[in-house]
Protein backbone atom coordinates (compact mmCIF):
# COMPACT_ATOMS: atom_id res chain seq x y z
CA UNK A 1 -60.53 -155.66 -84.62
CA UNK A 2 -59.79 -159.38 -84.77
CA UNK A 3 -56.78 -160.76 -86.62
CA UNK A 4 -59.10 -162.41 -89.15
CA UNK A 5 -60.87 -159.10 -89.84
CA UNK A 6 -57.54 -157.29 -90.23
CA UNK A 7 -56.27 -160.00 -92.60
CA UNK A 8 -59.44 -159.78 -94.69
CA UNK A 9 -59.17 -155.99 -94.94
CA UNK A 10 -55.47 -156.29 -95.87
CA UNK A 11 -56.29 -158.80 -98.62
CA UNK A 12 -59.14 -156.64 -99.88
CA UNK A 13 -56.76 -153.66 -100.03
CA UNK A 14 -54.23 -155.74 -101.98
CA UNK A 15 -56.96 -156.52 -104.52
CA UNK A 16 -57.89 -152.83 -104.74
CA UNK A 17 -54.26 -151.85 -105.30
CA UNK A 18 -53.81 -154.52 -108.00
CA UNK A 19 -56.93 -153.37 -109.88
CA UNK A 20 -55.97 -149.70 -109.64
CA UNK A 21 -52.40 -150.43 -110.76
CA UNK A 22 -53.58 -152.46 -113.76
CA UNK A 23 -56.06 -149.78 -114.85
CA UNK A 24 -53.58 -146.94 -114.31
CA UNK A 25 -50.91 -148.80 -116.27
CA UNK A 26 -53.27 -149.45 -119.17
CA UNK A 27 -55.39 -146.32 -119.25
CA UNK A 28 -53.73 -143.77 -116.99
CA UNK A 29 -56.87 -143.65 -114.82
CA UNK A 30 -59.41 -145.92 -113.16
CA UNK A 31 -63.15 -145.76 -112.53
CA UNK A 32 -64.74 -146.22 -109.13
CA UNK A 33 -65.19 -149.91 -108.32
CA UNK A 34 -66.29 -152.32 -105.60
CA UNK A 35 -64.27 -155.21 -104.16
CA UNK A 36 -66.07 -157.67 -101.89
CA UNK A 37 -64.91 -160.55 -99.72
CA UNK A 38 -67.49 -163.33 -99.57
CA UNK A 39 -68.09 -165.70 -96.66
CA UNK A 40 -66.62 -168.54 -98.76
CA UNK A 41 -63.27 -166.69 -98.94
CA UNK A 42 -63.58 -165.52 -102.54
CA UNK A 43 -63.00 -161.91 -103.55
CA UNK A 44 -65.00 -160.26 -106.32
CA UNK A 45 -64.63 -157.09 -108.37
CA UNK A 46 -67.64 -155.11 -109.58
CA UNK A 47 -67.88 -151.97 -111.66
CA UNK A 48 -70.78 -150.09 -113.13
CA UNK A 49 -71.40 -150.05 -116.86
CA UNK A 50 -69.92 -146.85 -118.33
CA UNK A 51 -73.27 -146.22 -120.02
CA UNK A 52 -74.95 -146.22 -116.60
CA UNK A 53 -72.50 -143.75 -115.12
CA UNK A 54 -72.35 -141.25 -117.98
CA UNK A 55 -73.59 -137.94 -116.67
CA UNK A 56 -73.85 -139.11 -113.06
CA UNK A 57 -72.26 -137.09 -110.30
CA UNK A 58 -69.34 -138.92 -108.64
CA UNK A 59 -71.30 -139.29 -105.38
CA UNK A 60 -74.15 -140.98 -107.30
CA UNK A 61 -71.68 -143.52 -108.73
CA UNK A 62 -70.34 -144.26 -105.24
CA UNK A 63 -73.89 -144.57 -103.89
CA UNK A 64 -74.71 -147.09 -106.64
CA UNK A 65 -71.63 -149.18 -105.75
CA UNK A 66 -72.53 -149.06 -102.04
CA UNK A 67 -76.09 -150.14 -102.92
CA UNK A 68 -74.68 -153.12 -104.83
CA UNK A 69 -72.75 -154.18 -101.72
CA UNK A 70 -75.85 -153.72 -99.54
CA UNK A 71 -77.80 -156.05 -101.86
CA UNK A 72 -75.16 -158.75 -101.27
CA UNK A 73 -74.25 -158.10 -97.64
CA UNK A 74 -75.70 -161.39 -96.35
CA UNK A 75 -73.04 -163.20 -98.44
CA UNK A 76 -70.18 -160.88 -97.48
CA UNK A 77 -67.65 -160.43 -94.70
CA UNK A 78 -66.05 -157.26 -96.07
CA UNK A 79 -66.47 -154.71 -98.85
CA UNK A 80 -64.56 -151.74 -100.16
CA UNK A 81 -65.62 -148.98 -102.54
CA UNK A 82 -62.53 -147.60 -104.28
CA UNK A 83 -62.32 -144.37 -106.23
CA UNK A 84 -59.73 -141.89 -107.51
CA UNK A 85 -59.17 -138.60 -105.73
CA UNK A 86 -56.89 -135.59 -105.84
CA UNK A 87 -55.42 -134.63 -102.48
CA UNK A 88 -55.47 -130.83 -102.20
CA UNK A 89 -53.30 -130.86 -99.07
CA UNK A 90 -50.54 -132.70 -100.97
CA UNK A 91 -50.04 -130.42 -103.95
CA UNK A 92 -52.72 -132.16 -106.03
CA UNK A 93 -51.27 -135.64 -105.45
CA UNK A 94 -53.46 -138.38 -106.96
CA UNK A 95 -54.70 -141.15 -104.64
CA UNK A 96 -56.81 -144.25 -104.38
CA UNK A 97 -59.43 -143.81 -101.66
CA UNK A 98 -61.17 -146.88 -100.27
CA UNK A 99 -64.20 -146.87 -97.98
CA UNK A 100 -64.04 -150.31 -96.42
CA UNK A 101 -66.17 -152.07 -93.84
CA UNK A 102 -65.92 -155.49 -92.20
CA UNK A 103 -68.88 -157.42 -90.85
CA UNK A 104 -67.29 -157.36 -87.35
CA UNK A 105 -67.72 -153.58 -87.30
CA UNK A 106 -64.41 -152.16 -88.48
CA UNK A 107 -65.00 -149.28 -90.89
CA UNK A 108 -62.05 -147.41 -92.38
CA UNK A 109 -61.27 -144.87 -95.04
CA UNK A 110 -57.90 -145.71 -96.56
CA UNK A 111 -56.05 -143.15 -98.70
CA UNK A 112 -53.08 -144.33 -100.75
CA UNK A 113 -51.28 -141.80 -102.96
CA UNK A 114 -49.78 -142.89 -106.26
CA UNK A 115 -47.78 -141.58 -109.20
CA UNK A 116 -47.85 -142.80 -112.80
CA UNK A 117 -44.46 -142.37 -114.45
CA UNK A 118 -43.22 -142.47 -118.01
CA UNK A 119 -44.62 -143.73 -121.28
CA UNK A 120 -44.77 -147.23 -119.77
CA UNK A 121 -47.15 -145.87 -117.12
CA UNK A 122 -45.25 -147.40 -114.23
CA UNK A 123 -47.29 -146.97 -111.06
CA UNK A 124 -45.66 -146.19 -107.73
CA UNK A 125 -47.75 -146.22 -104.55
CA UNK A 126 -47.01 -144.17 -101.46
CA UNK A 127 -47.79 -145.11 -97.88
CA UNK A 128 -51.46 -145.72 -97.15
CA UNK A 129 -53.15 -143.82 -94.34
CA UNK A 130 -56.21 -145.36 -92.65
CA UNK A 131 -58.71 -143.47 -90.53
CA UNK A 132 -61.84 -144.66 -88.73
CA UNK A 133 -64.98 -144.07 -90.78
CA UNK A 134 -68.72 -144.31 -90.45
CA UNK A 135 -70.35 -147.63 -91.19
CA UNK A 136 -72.28 -147.81 -94.46
CA UNK A 137 -72.83 -151.51 -95.10
CA UNK A 138 -73.85 -153.06 -91.79
CA UNK A 139 -75.04 -149.82 -90.16
């Protein structure tokens, strides 16, 4: 992976963490969302309308977010679909999971545990773990 690709993925992950932290602090939870890095260097956040997702299975919501990225892929250099998960191997620890892919070919699944503490809903993130993943955007 080139340095530019790694920097883009790092910046995308920082955006994901900021969005998750803001939503967790406000609401105690966050919906699945999409962050994209455009060729012009701008980053965008997209979510689905709650009315559209009511009654949908979680995988259908993720598929809809991936489809949104696919529609825009000619304008993009990187995209990440982020969603909440419970880690059964870590005593039900909550985590942000991000399926990210860069145009150069890097595809990763990043898992970052978090805890929300106190009435102020202070969010603390643990160490992220990244693993190679299958390509879904430029496959």
